[in-house]
Amino acid sequence: MRHEQDPLFDSIEKKTNVSKEDLFKLVQSLDGVDWQNEHSVRRVIHEVSRLAGRNVSKRQEDELVDAITSGNIPMDLSSISKWFK
């Protein structure tokens, strides 16, 4: 199945107002990202927040960077959602 016809991408597009093309570009840009590199992680955070149309405060960004670069990424949605409140 081609991604362009994938219902998952249709659902994400409807819920986020981010086009499938932008989602594909984002996914492709993540290939090879050094998740231990602070600059790389900040670049990804900025790109995701831009696409989502959401502002990420400096404090939120720092918390995300610390969690990602240290490998302490929570896997439950409630923990992740605290960063976006």
PDB file of N, CA and C in Angstrom:
ATOM      1  N   MET A   1       0.838  -1.183   0.000  1.00  0.00           N
ATOM      2  CA  MET A   1       0.000   0.000   0.000  1.00  0.00           C
ATOM      3  C   MET A   1       0.882   1.245   0.000  1.00  0.00           C
ATOM      4  N   ARG A   2       0.548   2.163  -0.820  1.00  0.00           N
ATOM      5  CA  ARG A   2       1.294   3.424  -0.871  1.00  0.00           C
ATOM      6  C   ARG A   2       0.856   4.304   0.287  1.00  0.00           C
ATOM      7  N   HIS A   3       1.808   5.074   0.810  1.00  0.00           N
ATOM      8  CA  HIS A   3       1.497   5.950   1.937  1.00  0.00           C
ATOM      9  C   HIS A   3       0.397   6.951   1.605  1.00  0.00           C
ATOM     10  N   GLU A   4       0.348   7.409   0.360  1.00  0.00           N
ATOM     11  CA  GLU A   4      -0.637   8.412  -0.016  1.00  0.00           C
ATOM     12  C   GLU A   4      -2.055   7.899   0.160  1.00  0.00           C
ATOM     13  N   GLN A   5      -2.232   6.569   0.174  1.00  0.00           N
ATOM     14  CA  GLN A   5      -3.553   5.977   0.295  1.00  0.00           C
ATOM     15  C   GLN A   5      -3.764   5.365   1.674  1.00  0.00           C
ATOM     16  N   ASP A   6      -2.876   5.579   2.586  1.00  0.00           N
ATOM     17  CA  ASP A   6      -2.932   4.988   3.912  1.00  0.00           C
ATOM     18  C   ASP A   6      -3.908   5.760   4.793  1.00  0.00           C
ATOM     19  N   PRO A   7      -4.918   5.075   5.354  1.00  0.00           N
ATOM     20  CA  PRO A   7      -5.887   5.760   6.212  1.00  0.00           C
ATOM     21  C   PRO A   7      -5.250   6.397   7.452  1.00  0.00           C
ATOM     22  N   LEU A   8      -4.146   5.859   7.916  1.00  0.00           N
ATOM     23  CA  LEU A   8      -3.464   6.445   9.065  1.00  0.00           C
ATOM     24  C   LEU A   8      -3.026   7.870   8.748  1.00  0.00           C
ATOM     25  N   PHE A   9      -2.445   8.073   7.577  1.00  0.00           N
ATOM     26  CA  PHE A   9      -2.002   9.406   7.191  1.00  0.00           C
ATOM     27  C   PHE A   9      -3.187  10.341   6.968  1.00  0.00           C
ATOM     28  N   ASP A  10      -4.291   9.801   6.448  1.00  0.00           N
ATOM     29  CA  ASP A  10      -5.500  10.616   6.299  1.00  0.00           C
ATOM     30  C   ASP A  10      -5.992  11.086   7.663  1.00  0.00           C
ATOM     31  N   SER A  11      -5.987  10.187   8.624  1.00  0.00           N
ATOM     32  CA  SER A  11      -6.431  10.520   9.976  1.00  0.00           C
ATOM     33  C   SER A  11      -5.530  11.569  10.621  1.00  0.00           C
ATOM     34  N   ILE A  12      -4.221  11.389  10.486  1.00  0.00           N
ATOM     35  CA  ILE A  12      -3.270  12.356  11.047  1.00  0.00           C
ATOM     36  C   ILE A  12      -3.466  13.718  10.391  1.00  0.00           C
ATOM     37  N   GLU A  13      -3.663  13.720   9.083  1.00  0.00           N
ATOM     38  CA  GLU A  13      -3.850  14.978   8.359  1.00  0.00           C
ATOM     39  C   GLU A  13      -5.102  15.704   8.859  1.00  0.00           C
ATOM     40  N   LYS A  14      -6.190  14.967   9.069  1.00  0.00           N
ATOM     41  CA  LYS A  14      -7.429  15.582   9.548  1.00  0.00           C
ATOM     42  C   LYS A  14      -7.283  16.132  10.958  1.00  0.00           C
ATOM     43  N   LYS A  15      -6.605  15.396  11.828  1.00  0.00           N
ATOM     44  CA  LYS A  15      -6.486  15.801  13.232  1.00  0.00           C
ATOM     45  C   LYS A  15      -5.484  16.923  13.446  1.00  0.00           C
ATOM     46  N   THR A  16      -4.476  17.014  12.595  1.00  0.00           N
ATOM     47  CA  THR A  16      -3.400  17.985  12.828  1.00  0.00           C
ATOM     48  C   THR A  16      -3.395  19.141  11.837  1.00  0.00           C
ATOM     49  N   ASN A  17      -4.146  19.019  10.747  1.00  0.00           N
ATOM     50  CA  ASN A  17      -4.110  20.007   9.663  1.00  0.00           C
ATOM     51  C   ASN A  17      -2.720  20.125   9.043  1.00  0.00           C
ATOM     52  N   VAL A  18      -1.939  19.059   9.138  1.00  0.00           N
ATOM     53  CA  VAL A  18      -0.627  18.989   8.491  1.00  0.00           C
ATOM     54  C   VAL A  18      -0.791  18.096   7.263  1.00  0.00           C
ATOM     55  N   SER A  19      -0.390  18.586   6.111  1.00  0.00           N
ATOM     56  CA  SER A  19      -0.580  17.822   4.879  1.00  0.00           C
ATOM     57  C   SER A  19       0.253  16.546   4.881  1.00  0.00           C
ATOM     58  N   LYS A  20      -0.231  15.567   4.129  1.00  0.00           N
ATOM     59  CA  LYS A  20       0.512  14.309   4.003  1.00  0.00           C
ATOM     60  C   LYS A  20       1.905  14.558   3.446  1.00  0.00           C
ATOM     61  N   GLU A  21       2.008  15.472   2.502  1.00  0.00           N
ATOM     62  CA  GLU A  21       3.312  15.768   1.912  1.00  0.00           C
ATOM     63  C   GLU A  21       4.285  16.269   2.978  1.00  0.00           C
ATOM     64  N   ASP A  22       3.798  17.163   3.856  1.00  0.00           N
ATOM     65  CA  ASP A  22       4.658  17.666   4.930  1.00  0.00           C
ATOM     66  C   ASP A  22       5.007  16.564   5.921  1.00  0.00           C
ATOM     67  N   LEU A  23       4.053  15.669   6.186  1.00  0.00           N
ATOM     68  CA  LEU A  23       4.338  14.537   7.072  1.00  0.00           C
ATOM     69  C   LEU A  23       5.420  13.645   6.477  1.00  0.00           C
ATOM     70  N   PHE A  24       5.313  13.364   5.175  1.00  0.00           N
ATOM     71  CA  PHE A  24       6.317  12.524   4.520  1.00  0.00           C
ATOM     72  C   PHE A  24       7.688  13.178   4.572  1.00  0.00           C
ATOM     73  N   LYS A  25       7.726  14.488   4.323  1.00  0.00           N
ATOM     74  CA  LYS A  25       9.004  15.205   4.383  1.00  0.00           C
ATOM     75  C   LYS A  25       9.592  15.139   5.789  1.00  0.00           C
ATOM     76  N   LEU A  26       8.736  15.296   6.796  1.00  0.00           N
ATOM     77  CA  LEU A  26       9.207  15.229   8.179  1.00  0.00           C
ATOM     78  C   LEU A  26       9.777  13.849   8.480  1.00  0.00           C
ATOM     79  N   VAL A  27       9.052  12.814   8.120  1.00  0.00           N
ATOM     80  CA  VAL A  27       9.518  11.448   8.376  1.00  0.00           C
ATOM     81  C   VAL A  27      10.850  11.203   7.680  1.00  0.00           C
ATOM     82  N   GLN A  28      10.971  11.636   6.439  1.00  0.00           N
ATOM     83  CA  GLN A  28      12.228  11.458   5.713  1.00  0.00           C
ATOM     84  C   GLN A  28      13.362  12.235   6.364  1.00  0.00           C
ATOM     85  N   SER A  29      13.058  13.414   6.904  1.00  0.00           N
ATOM     86  CA  SER A  29      14.109  14.222   7.533  1.00  0.00           C
ATOM     87  C   SER A  29      14.597  13.607   8.840  1.00  0.00           C
ATOM     88  N   LEU A  30      13.801  12.718   9.428  1.00  0.00           N
ATOM     89  CA  LEU A  30      14.192  12.084  10.688  1.00  0.00           C
ATOM     90  C   LEU A  30      15.168  10.937  10.484  1.00  0.00           C
ATOM     91  N   ASP A  31      15.249  10.448   9.252  1.00  0.00           N
ATOM     92  CA  ASP A  31      16.166   9.353   8.959  1.00  0.00           C
ATOM     93  C   ASP A  31      17.599   9.827   9.167  1.00  0.00           C
ATOM     94  N   GLY A  32      18.298   9.171  10.043  1.00  0.00           N
ATOM     95  CA  GLY A  32      19.691   9.504  10.285  1.00  0.00           C
ATOM     96  C   GLY A  32      19.925  10.594  11.311  1.00  0.00           C
ATOM     97  N   VAL A  33      18.854  11.068  11.976  1.00  0.00           N
ATOM     98  CA  VAL A  33      19.031  12.095  13.009  1.00  0.00           C
ATOM     99  C   VAL A  33      19.811  11.497  14.172  1.00  0.00           C
ATOM    100  N   ASP A  34      20.785  12.240  14.655  1.00  0.00           N
ATOM    101  CA  ASP A  34      21.543  11.835  15.841  1.00  0.00           C
ATOM    102  C   ASP A  34      20.771  12.329  17.060  1.00  0.00           C
ATOM    103  N   TRP A  35      20.026  11.420  17.694  1.00  0.00           N
ATOM    104  CA  TRP A  35      19.159  11.780  18.815  1.00  0.00           C
ATOM    105  C   TRP A  35      19.946  12.092  20.084  1.00  0.00           C
ATOM    106  N   GLN A  36      21.248  11.906  20.048  1.00  0.00           N
ATOM    107  CA  GLN A  36      22.095  12.276  21.189  1.00  0.00           C
ATOM    108  C   GLN A  36      22.652  13.687  21.027  1.00  0.00           C
ATOM    109  N   ASN A  37      22.468  14.265  19.844  1.00  0.00           N
ATOM    110  CA  ASN A  37      23.008  15.587  19.534  1.00  0.00           C
ATOM    111  C   ASN A  37      21.956  16.659  19.821  1.00  0.00           C
ATOM    112  N   GLU A  38      22.260  17.543  20.766  1.00  0.00           N
ATOM    113  CA  GLU A  38      21.296  18.563  21.190  1.00  0.00           C
ATOM    114  C   GLU A  38      20.825  19.436  20.031  1.00  0.00           C
ATOM    115  N   HIS A  39      21.740  19.869  19.180  1.00  0.00           N
ATOM    116  CA  HIS A  39      21.378  20.734  18.053  1.00  0.00           C
ATOM    117  C   HIS A  39      20.404  20.022  17.113  1.00  0.00           C
ATOM    118  N   SER A  40      20.659  18.754  16.822  1.00  0.00           N
ATOM    119  CA  SER A  40      19.777  17.984  15.938  1.00  0.00           C
ATOM    120  C   SER A  40      18.385  17.845  16.537  1.00  0.00           C
ATOM    121  N   VAL A  41      18.338  17.569  17.824  1.00  0.00           N
ATOM    122  CA  VAL A  41      17.052  17.393  18.503  1.00  0.00           C
ATOM    123  C   VAL A  41      16.276  18.713  18.512  1.00  0.00           C
ATOM    124  N   ARG A  42      16.950  19.806  18.782  1.00  0.00           N
ATOM    125  CA  ARG A  42      16.271  21.114  18.778  1.00  0.00           C
ATOM    126  C   ARG A  42      15.734  21.443  17.382  1.00  0.00           C
ATOM    127  N   ARG A  43      16.483  21.090  16.350  1.00  0.00           N
ATOM    128  CA  ARG A  43      16.025  21.320  14.975  1.00  0.00           C
ATOM    129  C   ARG A  43      14.729  20.547  14.709  1.00  0.00           C
ATOM    130  N   VAL A  44      14.681  19.290  15.153  1.00  0.00           N
ATOM    131  CA  VAL A  44      13.481  18.474  14.960  1.00  0.00           C
ATOM    132  C   VAL A  44      12.303  19.071  15.737  1.00  0.00           C
ATOM    133  N   ILE A  45      12.538  19.481  16.972  1.00  0.00           N
ATOM    134  CA  ILE A  45      11.472  20.078  17.784  1.00  0.00           C
ATOM    135  C   ILE A  45      10.925  21.330  17.101  1.00  0.00           C
ATOM    136  N   HIS A  46      11.800  22.167  16.584  1.00  0.00           N
ATOM    137  CA  HIS A  46      11.362  23.389  15.899  1.00  0.00           C
ATOM    138  C   HIS A  46      10.538  23.053  14.659  1.00  0.00           C
ATOM    139  N   GLU A  47      10.970  22.066  13.904  1.00  0.00           N
ATOM    140  CA  GLU A  47      10.255  21.686  12.684  1.00  0.00           C
ATOM    141  C   GLU A  47       8.875  21.123  13.018  1.00  0.00           C
ATOM    142  N   VAL A  48       8.805  20.252  14.009  1.00  0.00           N
ATOM    143  CA  VAL A  48       7.520  19.664  14.395  1.00  0.00           C
ATOM    144  C   VAL A  48       6.580  20.747  14.923  1.00  0.00           C
ATOM    145  N   SER A  49       7.086  21.641  15.755  1.00  0.00           N
ATOM    146  CA  SER A  49       6.222  22.695  16.294  1.00  0.00           C
ATOM    147  C   SER A  49       5.749  23.635  15.185  1.00  0.00           C
ATOM    148  N   ARG A  50       6.607  23.897  14.204  1.00  0.00           N
ATOM    149  CA  ARG A  50       6.214  24.735  13.070  1.00  0.00           C
ATOM    150  C   ARG A  50       5.096  24.071  12.270  1.00  0.00           C
ATOM    151  N   LEU A  51       5.272  22.789  11.964  1.00  0.00           N
ATOM    152  CA  LEU A  51       4.256  22.067  11.203  1.00  0.00           C
ATOM    153  C   LEU A  51       2.934  22.002  11.956  1.00  0.00           C
ATOM    154  N   ALA A  52       3.012  21.792  13.256  1.00  0.00           N
ATOM    155  CA  ALA A  52       1.809  21.653  14.072  1.00  0.00           C
ATOM    156  C   ALA A  52       1.171  23.001  14.401  1.00  0.00           C
ATOM    157  N   GLY A  53       1.906  24.083  14.144  1.00  0.00           N
ATOM    158  CA  GLY A  53       1.381  25.395  14.470  1.00  0.00           C
ATOM    159  C   GLY A  53       1.274  25.633  15.967  1.00  0.00           C
ATOM    160  N   ARG A  54       2.156  24.983  16.711  1.00  0.00           N
ATOM    161  CA  ARG A  54       2.157  25.102  18.176  1.00  0.00           C
ATOM    162  C   ARG A  54       3.458  25.734  18.631  1.00  0.00           C
ATOM    163  N   ASN A  55       3.351  26.644  19.572  1.00  0.00           N
ATOM    164  CA  ASN A  55       4.548  27.220  20.171  1.00  0.00           C
ATOM    165  C   ASN A  55       5.059  26.297  21.266  1.00  0.00           C
ATOM    166  N   VAL A  56       6.342  26.125  21.314  1.00  0.00           N
ATOM    167  CA  VAL A  56       6.982  25.344  22.369  1.00  0.00           C
ATOM    168  C   VAL A  56       7.841  26.327  23.158  1.00  0.00           C
ATOM    169  N   SER A  57       7.544  26.443  24.444  1.00  0.00           N
ATOM    170  CA  SER A  57       8.307  27.379  25.271  1.00  0.00           C
ATOM    171  C   SER A  57       9.744  26.891  25.416  1.00  0.00           C
ATOM    172  N   LYS A  58      10.603  27.787  25.816  1.00  0.00           N
ATOM    173  CA  LYS A  58      12.011  27.432  26.043  1.00  0.00           C
ATOM    174  C   LYS A  58      12.103  26.328  27.087  1.00  0.00           C
ATOM    175  N   ARG A  59      11.301  26.424  28.148  1.00  0.00           N
ATOM    176  CA  ARG A  59      11.303  25.408  29.202  1.00  0.00           C
ATOM    177  C   ARG A  59      10.873  24.046  28.644  1.00  0.00           C
ATOM    178  N   GLN A  60       9.781  24.032  27.850  1.00  0.00           N
ATOM    179  CA  GLN A  60       9.317  22.785  27.248  1.00  0.00           C
ATOM    180  C   GLN A  60      10.378  22.204  26.318  1.00  0.00           C
ATOM    181  N   GLU A  61      10.973  23.069  25.509  1.00  0.00           N
ATOM    182  CA  GLU A  61      12.007  22.612  24.581  1.00  0.00           C
ATOM    183  C   GLU A  61      13.179  22.002  25.341  1.00  0.00           C
ATOM    184  N   ASP A  62      13.621  22.681  26.394  1.00  0.00           N
ATOM    185  CA  ASP A  62      14.739  22.167  27.193  1.00  0.00           C
ATOM    186  C   ASP A  62      14.404  20.816  27.812  1.00  0.00           C
ATOM    187  N   GLU A  63      13.176  20.665  28.320  1.00  0.00           N
ATOM    188  CA  GLU A  63      12.755  19.389  28.910  1.00  0.00           C
ATOM    189  C   GLU A  63      12.737  18.286  27.859  1.00  0.00           C
ATOM    190  N   LEU A  64      12.203  18.603  26.681  1.00  0.00           N
ATOM    191  CA  LEU A  64      12.179  17.620  25.598  1.00  0.00           C
ATOM    192  C   LEU A  64      13.590  17.225  25.183  1.00  0.00           C
ATOM    193  N   VAL A  65      14.457  18.211  25.010  1.00  0.00           N
ATOM    194  CA  VAL A  65      15.840  17.938  24.606  1.00  0.00           C
ATOM    195  C   VAL A  65      16.531  17.067  25.645  1.00  0.00           C
ATOM    196  N   ASP A  66      16.385  17.415  26.918  1.00  0.00           N
ATOM    197  CA  ASP A  66      17.014  16.620  27.979  1.00  0.00           C
ATOM    198  C   ASP A  66      16.514  15.181  27.963  1.00  0.00           C
ATOM    199  N   ALA A  67      15.198  15.006  27.829  1.00  0.00           N
ATOM    200  CA  ALA A  67      14.625  13.661  27.830  1.00  0.00           C
ATOM    201  C   ALA A  67      15.093  12.854  26.623  1.00  0.00           C
ATOM    202  N   ILE A  68      15.082  13.467  25.458  1.00  0.00           N
ATOM    203  CA  ILE A  68      15.442  12.752  24.233  1.00  0.00           C
ATOM    204  C   ILE A  68      16.927  12.418  24.200  1.00  0.00           C
ATOM    205  N   THR A  69      17.782  13.389  24.490  1.00  0.00           N
ATOM    206  CA  THR A  69      19.226  13.144  24.393  1.00  0.00           C
ATOM    207  C   THR A  69      19.724  12.191  25.468  1.00  0.00           C
ATOM    208  N   SER A  70      19.014  12.104  26.586  1.00  0.00           N
ATOM    209  CA  SER A  70      19.437  11.189  27.651  1.00  0.00           C
ATOM    210  C   SER A  70      18.786   9.816  27.517  1.00  0.00           C
ATOM    211  N   GLY A  71      17.861   9.674  26.560  1.00  0.00           N
ATOM    212  CA  GLY A  71      17.184   8.397  26.369  1.00  0.00           C
ATOM    213  C   GLY A  71      16.052   8.172  27.345  1.00  0.00           C
ATOM    214  N   ASN A  72      15.642   9.200  28.069  1.00  0.00           N
ATOM    215  CA  ASN A  72      14.561   9.087  29.052  1.00  0.00           C
ATOM    216  C   ASN A  72      13.240   9.571  28.472  1.00  0.00           C
ATOM    217  N   ILE A  73      12.863   8.997  27.366  1.00  0.00           N
ATOM    218  CA  ILE A  73      11.629   9.394  26.707  1.00  0.00           C
ATOM    219  C   ILE A  73      10.497   8.546  27.268  1.00  0.00           C
ATOM    220  N   PRO A  74       9.491   9.182  27.877  1.00  0.00           N
ATOM    221  CA  PRO A  74       8.369   8.408  28.400  1.00  0.00           C
ATOM    222  C   PRO A  74       7.577   7.796  27.254  1.00  0.00           C
ATOM    223  N   MET A  75       7.068   6.616  27.479  1.00  0.00           N
ATOM    224  CA  MET A  75       6.335   5.934  26.425  1.00  0.00           C
ATOM    225  C   MET A  75       4.822   6.024  26.613  1.00  0.00           C
ATOM    226  N   ASP A  76       4.364   6.583  27.747  1.00  0.00           N
ATOM    227  CA  ASP A  76       2.928   6.701  27.928  1.00  0.00           C
ATOM    228  C   ASP A  76       2.469   8.107  27.553  1.00  0.00           C
ATOM    229  N   LEU A  77       1.294   8.180  26.981  1.00  0.00           N
ATOM    230  CA  LEU A  77       0.773   9.427  26.444  1.00  0.00           C
ATOM    231  C   LEU A  77       0.580  10.487  27.516  1.00  0.00           C
ATOM    232  N   SER A  78       0.176  10.101  28.714  1.00  0.00           N
ATOM    233  CA  SER A  78      -0.058  11.104  29.758  1.00  0.00           C
ATOM    234  C   SER A  78       1.232  11.817  30.137  1.00  0.00           C
ATOM    235  N   SER A  79       2.347  11.102  30.175  1.00  0.00           N
ATOM    236  CA  SER A  79       3.633  11.735  30.491  1.00  0.00           C
ATOM    237  C   SER A  79       4.087  12.656  29.368  1.00  0.00           C
ATOM    238  N   ILE A  80       3.891  12.226  28.145  1.00  0.00           N
ATOM    239  CA  ILE A  80       4.286  13.037  26.996  1.00  0.00           C
ATOM    240  C   ILE A  80       3.420  14.297  26.912  1.00  0.00           C
ATOM    241  N   SER A  81       2.131  14.162  27.183  1.00  0.00           N
ATOM    242  CA  SER A  81       1.218  15.295  27.027  1.00  0.00           C
ATOM    243  C   SER A  81       1.499  16.429  28.004  1.00  0.00           C
ATOM    244  N   LYS A  82       2.169  16.156  29.121  1.00  0.00           N
ATOM    245  CA  LYS A  82       2.459  17.222  30.092  1.00  0.00           C
ATOM    246  C   LYS A  82       3.327  18.317  29.485  1.00  0.00           C
ATOM    247  N   TRP A  83       4.123  17.978  28.471  1.00  0.00           N
ATOM    248  CA  TRP A  83       4.992  18.964  27.831  1.00  0.00           C
ATOM    249  C   TRP A  83       4.208  19.961  26.987  1.00  0.00           C
ATOM    250  N   PHE A  84       3.002  19.585  26.615  1.00  0.00           N
ATOM    251  CA  PHE A  84       2.250  20.416  25.679  1.00  0.00           C
ATOM    252  C   PHE A  84       1.065  21.115  26.314  1.00  0.00           C
ATOM    253  N   LYS A  85       1.081  21.214  27.626  1.00  0.00           N
ATOM    254  CA  LYS A  85       0.000  21.912  28.333  1.00  0.00           C
ATOM    255  C   LYS A  85       0.392  23.320  28.612  1.00  0.00           C
TER     256      LYS A  85
END
